[in-house]
């Protein structure tokens, strides 16, 4: 009889351990699902931040390129005007020199 009580006791202990193991498995699965959901949320936020940063830097680069182009255009116009004025002054000098040579 004592052996039968020991077997029952061991069987009960085994059932308890199996229940605890099953409960631990369910808890672990739930925690894994929570962790996966949190990881997905973090990844989504990171992707959105990367997209926003990319847009911001793309716009910043476009603005900077536009500004540099406008400065270059303005500088080119100024230099072209200076060359034109210098050429006009020399042209007048050349015409005067040619007229002095041709006309007494």
PDB file of N, CA and C in Angstrom:
ATOM      1  N   UNK A   1       0.788  -1.186   0.000  1.00  0.00           N
ATOM      2  CA  UNK A   1       0.000   0.000   0.000  1.00  0.00           C
ATOM      3  C   UNK A   1       0.834   1.256   0.000  1.00  0.00           C
ATOM      4  N   UNK A   2       1.894   1.137   0.740  1.00  0.00           N
ATOM      5  CA  UNK A   2       2.764   2.295   0.794  1.00  0.00           C
ATOM      6  C   UNK A   2       3.318   2.611  -0.591  1.00  0.00           C
ATOM      7  N   UNK A   3       3.616   1.633  -1.361  1.00  0.00           N
ATOM      8  CA  UNK A   3       4.120   1.814  -2.709  1.00  0.00           C
ATOM      9  C   UNK A   3       3.092   2.486  -3.599  1.00  0.00           C
ATOM     10  N   UNK A   4       1.811   2.114  -3.393  1.00  0.00           N
ATOM     11  CA  UNK A   4       0.735   2.712  -4.170  1.00  0.00           C
ATOM     12  C   UNK A   4       0.597   4.191  -3.835  1.00  0.00           C
ATOM     13  N   UNK A   5       0.721   4.563  -2.590  1.00  0.00           N
ATOM     14  CA  UNK A   5       0.671   5.961  -2.168  1.00  0.00           C
ATOM     15  C   UNK A   5       1.822   6.751  -2.758  1.00  0.00           C
ATOM     16  N   UNK A   6       2.974   6.120  -2.813  1.00  0.00           N
ATOM     17  CA  UNK A   6       4.157   6.785  -3.388  1.00  0.00           C
ATOM     18  C   UNK A   6       3.961   7.015  -4.881  1.00  0.00           C
ATOM     19  N   UNK A   7       3.391   6.049  -5.576  1.00  0.00           N
ATOM     20  CA  UNK A   7       3.129   6.168  -7.007  1.00  0.00           C
ATOM     21  C   UNK A   7       2.110   7.283  -7.244  1.00  0.00           C
ATOM     22  N   UNK A   8       1.044   7.317  -6.409  1.00  0.00           N
ATOM     23  CA  UNK A   8       0.045   8.375  -6.546  1.00  0.00           C
ATOM     24  C   UNK A   8       0.669   9.745  -6.295  1.00  0.00           C
ATOM     25  N   UNK A   9       1.510   9.792  -5.305  1.00  0.00           N
ATOM     26  CA  UNK A   9       2.182  11.051  -4.959  1.00  0.00           C
ATOM     27  C   UNK A   9       3.080  11.500  -6.110  1.00  0.00           C
ATOM     28  N   UNK A  10       3.798  10.558  -6.671  1.00  0.00           N
ATOM     29  CA  UNK A  10       4.680  10.886  -7.806  1.00  0.00           C
ATOM     30  C   UNK A  10       3.852  11.294  -9.028  1.00  0.00           C
ATOM     31  N   UNK A  11       2.754  10.624  -9.244  1.00  0.00           N
ATOM     32  CA  UNK A  11       1.881  10.953 -10.375  1.00  0.00           C
ATOM     33  C   UNK A  11       1.293  12.346 -10.192  1.00  0.00           C
ATOM     34  N   UNK A  12       0.871  12.662  -8.977  1.00  0.00           N
ATOM     35  CA  UNK A  12       0.333  14.000  -8.692  1.00  0.00           C
ATOM     36  C   UNK A  12       1.414  15.062  -8.897  1.00  0.00           C
ATOM     37  N   UNK A  13       2.586  14.775  -8.430  1.00  0.00           N
ATOM     38  CA  UNK A  13       3.722  15.715  -8.589  1.00  0.00           C
ATOM     39  C   UNK A  13       4.033  15.911 -10.070  1.00  0.00           C
ATOM     40  N   UNK A  14       3.973  14.825 -10.845  1.00  0.00           N
ATOM     41  CA  UNK A  14       4.229  14.899 -12.283  1.00  0.00           C
ATOM     42  C   UNK A  14       3.179  15.770 -12.962  1.00  0.00           C
ATOM     43  N   UNK A  15       1.899  15.606 -12.576  1.00  0.00           N
ATOM     44  CA  UNK A  15       0.817  16.423 -13.126  1.00  0.00           C
ATOM     45  C   UNK A  15       1.034  17.909 -12.795  1.00  0.00           C
ATOM     46  N   UNK A  16       1.420  18.165 -11.563  1.00  0.00           N
ATOM     47  CA  UNK A  16       1.670  19.554 -11.148  1.00  0.00           C
ATOM     48  C   UNK A  16       2.801  20.168 -11.965  1.00  0.00           C
ATOM     49  N   UNK A  17       3.871  19.398 -12.129  1.00  0.00           N
ATOM     50  CA  UNK A  17       5.009  19.890 -12.913  1.00  0.00           C
ATOM     51  C   UNK A  17       4.622  20.091 -14.376  1.00  0.00           C
ATOM     52  N   UNK A  18       3.808  19.195 -14.918  1.00  0.00           N
ATOM     53  CA  UNK A  18       3.360  19.321 -16.300  1.00  0.00           C
ATOM     54  C   UNK A  18       2.498  20.573 -16.462  1.00  0.00           C
ATOM     55  N   UNK A  19       1.636  20.848 -15.465  1.00  0.00           N
ATOM     56  CA  UNK A  19       0.809  22.063 -15.515  1.00  0.00           C
ATOM     57  C   UNK A  19       1.674  23.317 -15.444  1.00  0.00           C
ATOM     58  N   UNK A  20       2.661  23.277 -14.542  1.00  0.00           N
ATOM     59  CA  UNK A  20       3.566  24.434 -14.418  1.00  0.00           C
ATOM     60  C   UNK A  20       4.363  24.642 -15.702  1.00  0.00           C
ATOM     61  N   UNK A  21       4.787  23.525 -16.289  1.00  0.00           N
ATOM     62  CA  UNK A  21       5.532  23.605 -17.547  1.00  0.00           C
ATOM     63  C   UNK A  21       4.660  24.188 -18.649  1.00  0.00           C
ATOM     64  N   UNK A  22       3.407  23.740 -18.737  1.00  0.00           N
ATOM     65  CA  UNK A  22       2.476  24.257 -19.748  1.00  0.00           C
ATOM     66  C   UNK A  22       2.215  25.750 -19.507  1.00  0.00           C
ATOM     67  N   UNK A  23       2.030  26.122 -18.263  1.00  0.00           N
ATOM     68  CA  UNK A  23       1.803  27.526 -17.923  1.00  0.00           C
ATOM     69  C   UNK A  23       3.028  28.374 -18.287  1.00  0.00           C
ATOM     70  N   UNK A  24       4.198  27.847 -18.012  1.00  0.00           N
ATOM     71  CA  UNK A  24       5.432  28.555 -18.355  1.00  0.00           C
ATOM     72  C   UNK A  24       5.561  28.697 -19.876  1.00  0.00           C
ATOM     73  N   UNK A  25       5.169  27.640 -20.606  1.00  0.00           N
ATOM     74  CA  UNK A  25       5.223  27.682 -22.070  1.00  0.00           C
ATOM     75  C   UNK A  25       4.281  28.761 -22.605  1.00  0.00           C
ATOM     76  N   UNK A  26       3.037  28.809 -22.086  1.00  0.00           N
ATOM     77  CA  UNK A  26       2.075  29.825 -22.523  1.00  0.00           C
ATOM     78  C   UNK A  26       2.563  31.232 -22.190  1.00  0.00           C
ATOM     79  N   UNK A  27       3.103  31.379 -20.996  1.00  0.00           N
ATOM     80  CA  UNK A  27       3.636  32.693 -20.589  1.00  0.00           C
ATOM     81  C   UNK A  27       4.784  33.112 -21.504  1.00  0.00           C
ATOM     82  N   UNK A  28       5.649  32.165 -21.799  1.00  0.00           N
ATOM     83  CA  UNK A  28       6.785  32.454 -22.685  1.00  0.00           C
ATOM     84  C   UNK A  28       6.307  32.825 -24.076  1.00  0.00           C
ATOM     85  N   UNK A  29       5.334  32.089 -24.596  1.00  0.00           N
ATOM     86  CA  UNK A  29       4.792  32.408 -25.920  1.00  0.00           C
ATOM     87  C   UNK A  29       4.160  33.797 -25.936  1.00  0.00           C
ATOM     88  N   UNK A  30       3.447  34.129 -24.868  1.00  0.00           N
ATOM     89  CA  UNK A  30       2.827  35.458 -24.788  1.00  0.00           C
ATOM     90  C   UNK A  30       3.901  36.548 -24.747  1.00  0.00           C
ATOM     91  N   UNK A  31       4.954  36.303 -23.986  1.00  0.00           N
ATOM     92  CA  UNK A  31       6.045  37.289 -23.908  1.00  0.00           C
ATOM     93  C   UNK A  31       6.757  37.420 -25.249  1.00  0.00           C
ATOM     94  N   UNK A  32       6.909  36.305 -25.940  1.00  0.00           N
ATOM     95  CA  UNK A  32       7.542  36.352 -27.266  1.00  0.00           C
ATOM     96  C   UNK A  32       6.682  37.167 -28.225  1.00  0.00           C
ATOM     97  N   UNK A  33       5.363  36.952 -28.185  1.00  0.00           N
ATOM     98  CA  UNK A  33       4.462  37.722 -29.049  1.00  0.00           C
ATOM     99  C   UNK A  33       4.529  39.208 -28.714  1.00  0.00           C
ATOM    100  N   UNK A  34       4.568  39.523 -27.425  1.00  0.00           N
ATOM    101  CA  UNK A  34       4.690  40.929 -27.016  1.00  0.00           C
ATOM    102  C   UNK A  34       6.005  41.523 -27.514  1.00  0.00           C
ATOM    103  N   UNK A  35       7.080  40.756 -27.364  1.00  0.00           N
ATOM    104  CA  UNK A  35       8.393  41.233 -27.805  1.00  0.00           C
ATOM    105  C   UNK A  35       8.411  41.422 -29.320  1.00  0.00           C
ATOM    106  N   UNK A  36       7.800  40.512 -30.055  1.00  0.00           N
ATOM    107  CA  UNK A  36       7.731  40.638 -31.514  1.00  0.00           C
ATOM    108  C   UNK A  36       6.929  41.877 -31.908  1.00  0.00           C
ATOM    109  N   UNK A  37       5.807  42.101 -31.203  1.00  0.00           N
ATOM    110  CA  UNK A  37       4.993  43.279 -31.500  1.00  0.00           C
ATOM    111  C   UNK A  37       5.767  44.558 -31.191  1.00  0.00           C
ATOM    112  N   UNK A  38       6.484  44.571 -30.091  1.00  0.00           N
ATOM    113  CA  UNK A  38       7.289  45.744 -29.724  1.00  0.00           C
ATOM    114  C   UNK A  38       8.410  45.963 -30.740  1.00  0.00           C
ATOM    115  N   UNK A  39       9.048  44.886 -31.159  1.00  0.00           N
ATOM    116  CA  UNK A  39      10.107  44.992 -32.167  1.00  0.00           C
ATOM    117  C   UNK A  39       9.552  45.528 -33.478  1.00  0.00           C
ATOM    118  N   UNK A  40       8.377  45.057 -33.852  1.00  0.00           N
ATOM    119  CA  UNK A  40       7.741  45.531 -35.092  1.00  0.00           C
ATOM    120  C   UNK A  40       7.414  47.019 -34.979  1.00  0.00           C
ATOM    121  N   UNK A  41       6.889  47.430 -33.807  1.00  0.00           N
ATOM    122  CA  UNK A  41       6.569  48.841 -33.588  1.00  0.00           C
ATOM    123  C   UNK A  41       7.831  49.702 -33.674  1.00  0.00           C
ATOM    124  N   UNK A  42       8.900  49.242 -33.036  1.00  0.00           N
ATOM    125  CA  UNK A  42      10.169  49.991 -33.060  1.00  0.00           C
ATOM    126  C   UNK A  42      10.706  50.071 -34.483  1.00  0.00           C
ATOM    127  N   UNK A  43      10.634  48.963 -35.211  1.00  0.00           N
ATOM    128  CA  UNK A  43      11.106  48.951 -36.598  1.00  0.00           C
ATOM    129  C   UNK A  43      10.288  49.905 -37.458  1.00  0.00           C
ATOM    130  N   UNK A  44       8.973  49.900 -37.274  1.00  0.00           N
ATOM    131  CA  UNK A  44       8.107  50.803 -38.036  1.00  0.00           C
ATOM    132  C   UNK A  44       8.447  52.258 -37.729  1.00  0.00           C
ATOM    133  N   UNK A  45       8.644  52.564 -36.459  1.00  0.00           N
ATOM    134  CA  UNK A  45       9.016  53.932 -36.078  1.00  0.00           C
ATOM    135  C   UNK A  45      10.369  54.315 -36.675  1.00  0.00           C
ATOM    136  N   UNK A  46      11.319  53.394 -36.625  1.00  0.00           N
ATOM    137  CA  UNK A  46      12.650  53.670 -37.174  1.00  0.00           C
ATOM    138  C   UNK A  46      12.576  53.899 -38.685  1.00  0.00           C
ATOM    139  N   UNK A  47      11.796  53.075 -39.371  1.00  0.00           N
ATOM    140  CA  UNK A  47      11.644  53.240 -40.817  1.00  0.00           C
ATOM    141  C   UNK A  47      11.015  54.587 -41.145  1.00  0.00           C
ATOM    142  N   UNK A  48      10.019  54.987 -40.355  1.00  0.00           N
ATOM    143  CA  UNK A  48       9.372  56.286 -40.574  1.00  0.00           C
ATOM    144  C   UNK A  48      10.355  57.422 -40.317  1.00  0.00           C
ATOM    145  N   UNK A  49      11.156  57.280 -39.282  1.00  0.00           N
ATOM    146  CA  UNK A  49      12.151  58.315 -38.988  1.00  0.00           C
ATOM    147  C   UNK A  49      13.186  58.412 -40.107  1.00  0.00           C
ATOM    148  N   UNK A  50      13.604  57.265 -40.619  1.00  0.00           N
ATOM    149  CA  UNK A  50      14.551  57.257 -41.735  1.00  0.00           C
ATOM    150  C   UNK A  50      13.926  57.934 -42.957  1.00  0.00           C
ATOM    151  N   UNK A  51      12.646  57.636 -43.215  1.00  0.00           N
ATOM    152  CA  UNK A  51      11.960  58.247 -44.354  1.00  0.00           C
ATOM    153  C   UNK A  51      11.892  59.766 -44.182  1.00  0.00           C
ATOM    154  N   UNK A  52      11.540  60.209 -42.983  1.00  0.00           N
ATOM    155  CA  UNK A  52      11.448  61.645 -42.729  1.00  0.00           C
ATOM    156  C   UNK A  52      12.809  62.323 -42.850  1.00  0.00           C
ATOM    157  N   UNK A  53      13.844  61.676 -42.302  1.00  0.00           N
ATOM    158  CA  UNK A  53      15.195  62.245 -42.409  1.00  0.00           C
ATOM    159  C   UNK A  53      15.645  62.302 -43.857  1.00  0.00           C
ATOM    160  N   UNK A  54      15.335  61.253 -44.612  1.00  0.00           N
ATOM    161  CA  UNK A  54      15.704  61.227 -46.026  1.00  0.00           C
ATOM    162  C   UNK A  54      15.024  62.368 -46.772  1.00  0.00           C
ATOM    163  N   UNK A  55      13.736  62.551 -46.514  1.00  0.00           N
ATOM    164  CA  UNK A  55      13.011  63.652 -47.156  1.00  0.00           C
ATOM    165  C   UNK A  55      13.609  65.000 -46.758  1.00  0.00           C
ATOM    166  N   UNK A  56      13.893  65.160 -45.472  1.00  0.00           N
ATOM    167  CA  UNK A  56      14.429  66.432 -44.988  1.00  0.00           C
ATOM    168  C   UNK A  56      15.789  66.718 -45.623  1.00  0.00           C
ATOM    169  N   UNK A  57      16.667  65.713 -45.651  1.00  0.00           N
ATOM    170  CA  UNK A  57      17.982  65.934 -46.234  1.00  0.00           C
ATOM    171  C   UNK A  57      17.914  66.114 -47.748  1.00  0.00           C
ATOM    172  N   UNK A  58      16.996  65.410 -48.394  1.00  0.00           N
ATOM    173  CA  UNK A  58      16.820  65.595 -49.832  1.00  0.00           C
ATOM    174  C   UNK A  58      16.388  67.033 -50.119  1.00  0.00           C
ATOM    175  N   UNK A  59      15.445  67.531 -49.317  1.00  0.00           N
ATOM    176  CA  UNK A  59      14.987  68.911 -49.485  1.00  0.00           C
ATOM    177  C   UNK A  59      16.112  69.896 -49.169  1.00  0.00           C
ATOM    178  N   UNK A  60      16.858  69.616 -48.113  1.00  0.00           N
ATOM    179  CA  UNK A  60      17.964  70.497 -47.725  1.00  0.00           C
ATOM    180  C   UNK A  60      19.020  70.543 -48.833  1.00  0.00           C
ATOM    181  N   UNK A  61      19.323  69.392 -49.402  1.00  0.00           N
ATOM    182  CA  UNK A  61      20.303  69.336 -50.486  1.00  0.00           C
ATOM    183  C   UNK A  61      19.786  70.097 -51.700  1.00  0.00           C
ATOM    184  N   UNK A  62      18.507  69.900 -52.037  1.00  0.00           N
ATOM    185  CA  UNK A  62      17.921  70.603 -53.181  1.00  0.00           C
ATOM    186  C   UNK A  62      17.958  72.119 -52.956  1.00  0.00           C
ATOM    187  N   UNK A  63      17.641  72.549 -51.741  1.00  0.00           N
ATOM    188  CA  UNK A  63      17.686  73.982 -51.419  1.00  0.00           C
ATOM    189  C   UNK A  63      19.106  74.520 -51.544  1.00  0.00           C
ATOM    190  N   UNK A  64      20.070  73.755 -51.047  1.00  0.00           N
ATOM    191  CA  UNK A  64      21.472  74.190 -51.100  1.00  0.00           C
ATOM    192  C   UNK A  64      21.964  74.246 -52.550  1.00  0.00           C
ATOM    193  N   UNK A  65      21.589  73.252 -53.349  1.00  0.00           N
ATOM    194  CA  UNK A  65      21.976  73.252 -54.766  1.00  0.00           C
ATOM    195  C   UNK A  65      21.365  74.467 -55.467  1.00  0.00           C
ATOM    196  N   UNK A  66      20.098  74.752 -55.173  1.00  0.00           N
ATOM    197  CA  UNK A  66      19.426  75.908 -55.769  1.00  0.00           C
ATOM    198  C   UNK A  66      20.143  77.204 -55.363  1.00  0.00           C
ATOM    199  N   UNK A  67      20.490  77.321 -54.082  1.00  0.00           N
ATOM    200  CA  UNK A  67      21.177  78.519 -53.598  1.00  0.00           C
ATOM    201  C   UNK A  67      22.538  78.685 -54.283  1.00  0.00           C
ATOM    202  N   UNK A  68      23.285  77.598 -54.379  1.00  0.00           N
ATOM    203  CA  UNK A  68      24.601  77.653 -55.029  1.00  0.00           C
ATOM    204  C   UNK A  68      24.444  78.020 -56.495  1.00  0.00           C
ATOM    205  N   UNK A  69      23.442  77.443 -57.169  1.00  0.00           N
ATOM    206  CA  UNK A  69      23.196  77.757 -58.577  1.00  0.00           C
ATOM    207  C   UNK A  69      22.850  79.228 -58.756  1.00  0.00           C
ATOM    208  N   UNK A  70      22.009  79.758 -57.855  1.00  0.00           N
ATOM    209  CA  UNK A  70      21.647  81.181 -57.936  1.00  0.00           C
ATOM    210  C   UNK A  70      22.869  82.066 -57.717  1.00  0.00           C
ATOM    211  N   UNK A  71      23.724  81.699 -56.755  1.00  0.00           N
ATOM    212  CA  UNK A  71      24.953  82.466 -56.529  1.00  0.00           C
ATOM    213  C   UNK A  71      25.862  82.407 -57.748  1.00  0.00           C
ATOM    214  N   UNK A  72      25.991  81.219 -58.331  1.00  0.00           N
ATOM    215  CA  UNK A  72      26.849  81.056 -59.509  1.00  0.00           C
ATOM    216  C   UNK A  72      26.295  81.864 -60.688  1.00  0.00           C
ATOM    217  N   UNK A  73      24.971  81.842 -60.869  1.00  0.00           N
ATOM    218  CA  UNK A  73      24.357  82.621 -61.947  1.00  0.00           C
ATOM    219  C   UNK A  73      24.594  84.119 -61.748  1.00  0.00           C
ATOM    220  N   UNK A  74      24.409  84.575 -60.510  1.00  0.00           N
ATOM    221  CA  UNK A  74      24.614  85.994 -60.217  1.00  0.00           C
ATOM    222  C   UNK A  74      26.073  86.382 -60.441  1.00  0.00           C
ATOM    223  N   UNK A  75      26.988  85.527 -59.989  1.00  0.00           N
ATOM    224  CA  UNK A  75      28.412  85.804 -60.185  1.00  0.00           C
ATOM    225  C   UNK A  75      28.763  85.818 -61.667  1.00  0.00           C
ATOM    226  N   UNK A  76      28.199  84.868 -62.420  1.00  0.00           N
ATOM    227  CA  UNK A  76      28.478  84.806 -63.862  1.00  0.00           C
ATOM    228  C   UNK A  76      27.942  86.054 -64.565  1.00  0.00           C
ATOM    229  N   UNK A  77      26.755  86.524 -64.184  1.00  0.00           N
ATOM    230  CA  UNK A  77      26.194  87.737 -64.789  1.00  0.00           C
ATOM    231  C   UNK A  77      27.057  88.952 -64.471  1.00  0.00           C
ATOM    232  N   UNK A  78      27.513  89.035 -63.212  1.00  0.00           N
ATOM    233  CA  UNK A  78      28.365  90.157 -62.811  1.00  0.00           C
ATOM    234  C   UNK A  78      29.667  90.143 -63.596  1.00  0.00           C
ATOM    235  N   UNK A  79      30.288  88.969 -63.681  1.00  0.00           N
ATOM    236  CA  UNK A  79      31.553  88.863 -64.418  1.00  0.00           C
ATOM    237  C   UNK A  79      31.347  89.146 -65.903  1.00  0.00           C
ATOM    238  N   UNK A  80      30.248  88.667 -66.461  1.00  0.00           N
ATOM    239  CA  UNK A  80      29.968  88.920 -67.881  1.00  0.00           C
ATOM    240  C   UNK A  80      29.789  90.416 -68.119  1.00  0.00           C
ATOM    241  N   UNK A  81      29.106  91.092 -67.207  1.00  0.00           N
ATOM    242  CA  UNK A  81      28.919  92.540 -67.341  1.00  0.00           C
ATOM    243  C   UNK A  81      30.249  93.276 -67.239  1.00  0.00           C
ATOM    244  N   UNK A  82      31.101  92.830 -66.307  1.00  0.00           N
ATOM    245  CA  UNK A  82      32.424  93.452 -66.165  1.00  0.00           C
ATOM    246  C   UNK A  82      33.251  93.259 -67.429  1.00  0.00           C
ATOM    247  N   UNK A  83      33.218  92.060 -68.001  1.00  0.00           N
ATOM    248  CA  UNK A  83      33.958  91.789 -69.246  1.00  0.00           C
ATOM    249  C   UNK A  83      33.395  92.634 -70.372  1.00  0.00           C
ATOM    250  N   UNK A  84      32.084  92.749 -70.435  1.00  0.00           N
ATOM    251  CA  UNK A  84      31.434  93.545 -71.477  1.00  0.00           C
ATOM    252  C   UNK A  84      31.839  95.011 -71.359  1.00  0.00           C
ATOM    253  N   UNK A  85      31.844  95.532 -70.124  1.00  0.00           N
ATOM    254  CA  UNK A  85      32.226  96.926 -69.914  1.00  0.00           C
ATOM    255  C   UNK A  85      33.699  97.149 -70.269  1.00  0.00           C
ATOM    256  N   UNK A  86      34.544  96.204 -69.862  1.00  0.00           N
ATOM    257  CA  UNK A  86      35.970  96.324 -70.184  1.00  0.00           C
ATOM    258  C   UNK A  86      36.181  96.262 -71.695  1.00  0.00           C
ATOM    259  N   UNK A  87      35.465  95.360 -72.354  1.00  0.00           N
ATOM    260  CA  UNK A  87      35.588  95.235 -73.812  1.00  0.00           C
ATOM    261  C   UNK A  87      35.075  96.498 -74.495  1.00  0.00           C
ATOM    262  N   UNK A  88      33.987  97.061 -73.998  1.00  0.00           N
ATOM    263  CA  UNK A  88      33.442  98.285 -74.595  1.00  0.00           C
ATOM    264  C   UNK A  88      34.434  99.429 -74.447  1.00  0.00           C
ATOM    265  N   UNK A  89      35.049  99.541 -73.280  1.00  0.00           N
ATOM    266  CA  UNK A  89      36.042 100.606 -73.075  1.00  0.00           C
ATOM    267  C   UNK A  89      37.227 100.423 -74.008  1.00  0.00           C
ATOM    268  N   UNK A  90      37.702  99.209 -74.168  1.00  0.00           N
ATOM    269  CA  UNK A  90      38.843  98.961 -75.056  1.00  0.00           C
ATOM    270  C   UNK A  90      38.453  99.159 -76.519  1.00  0.00           C
ATOM    271  N   UNK A  91      37.210  98.830 -76.830  1.00  0.00           N
ATOM    272  CA  UNK A  91      36.737  99.037 -78.196  1.00  0.00           C
ATOM    273  C   UNK A  91      36.766 100.525 -78.529  1.00  0.00           C
ATOM    274  N   UNK A  92      36.288 101.343 -77.598  1.00  0.00           N
ATOM    275  CA  UNK A  92      36.339 102.795 -77.804  1.00  0.00           C
ATOM    276  C   UNK A  92      37.783 103.253 -77.996  1.00  0.00           C
ATOM    277  N   UNK A  93      38.687 102.727 -77.171  1.00  0.00           N
ATOM    278  CA  UNK A  93      40.105 103.086 -77.298  1.00  0.00           C
ATOM    279  C   UNK A  93      40.655 102.652 -78.651  1.00  0.00           C
ATOM    280  N   UNK A  94      40.305 101.458 -79.080  1.00  0.00           N
ATOM    281  CA  UNK A  94      40.787 100.932 -80.364  1.00  0.00           C
ATOM    282  C   UNK A  94      40.246 101.765 -81.518  1.00  0.00           C
ATOM    283  N   UNK A  95      38.965 102.138 -81.430  1.00  0.00           N
ATOM    284  CA  UNK A  95      38.363 102.963 -82.476  1.00  0.00           C
ATOM    285  C   UNK A  95      39.067 104.316 -82.519  1.00  0.00           C
ATOM    286  N   UNK A  96      39.323 104.921 -81.376  1.00  0.00           N
ATOM    287  CA  UNK A  96      40.014 106.211 -81.320  1.00  0.00           C
ATOM    288  C   UNK A  96      41.419 106.087 -81.888  1.00  0.00           C
ATOM    289  N   UNK A  97      42.118 105.016 -81.535  1.00  0.00           N
ATOM    290  CA  UNK A  97      43.474 104.824 -82.050  1.00  0.00           C
ATOM    291  C   UNK A  97      43.450 104.630 -83.560  1.00  0.00           C
ATOM    292  N   UNK A  98      42.495 103.864 -84.065  1.00  0.00           N
ATOM    293  CA  UNK A  98      42.399 103.633 -85.502  1.00  0.00           C
ATOM    294  C   UNK A  98      42.054 104.922 -86.220  1.00  0.00           C
ATOM    295  N   UNK A  99      41.161 105.718 -85.655  1.00  0.00           N
ATOM    296  CA  UNK A  99      40.802 106.981 -86.268  1.00  0.00           C
ATOM    297  C   UNK A  99      41.982 107.940 -86.296  1.00  0.00           C
ATOM    298  N   UNK A 100      42.804 107.928 -85.266  1.00  0.00           N
ATOM    299  CA  UNK A 100      43.973 108.809 -85.224  1.00  0.00           C
ATOM    300  C   UNK A 100      45.011 108.390 -86.291  1.00  0.00           C
ATOM    301  N   UNK A 101      45.077 107.106 -86.537  1.00  0.00           N
ATOM    302  CA  UNK A 101      46.001 106.628 -87.543  1.00  0.00           C
ATOM    303  C   UNK A 101      45.511 106.954 -88.958  1.00  0.00           C
ATOM    304  N   UNK A 102      44.209 106.866 -89.149  1.00  0.00           N
ATOM    305  CA  UNK A 102      43.631 107.045 -90.477  1.00  0.00           C
ATOM    306  C   UNK A 102      43.420 108.536 -90.777  1.00  0.00           C
ATOM    307  N   UNK A 103      42.900 109.236 -89.818  1.00  0.00           N
ATOM    308  CA  UNK A 103      42.611 110.642 -90.034  1.00  0.00           C
ATOM    309  C   UNK A 103      43.763 111.492 -89.510  1.00  0.00           C
ATOM    310  N   UNK A 104      44.119 112.508 -90.293  1.00  0.00           N
ATOM    311  CA  UNK A 104      45.214 113.369 -89.835  1.00  0.00           C
ATOM    312  C   UNK A 104      44.831 114.298 -88.689  1.00  0.00           C
TER     313      UNK A 104
END
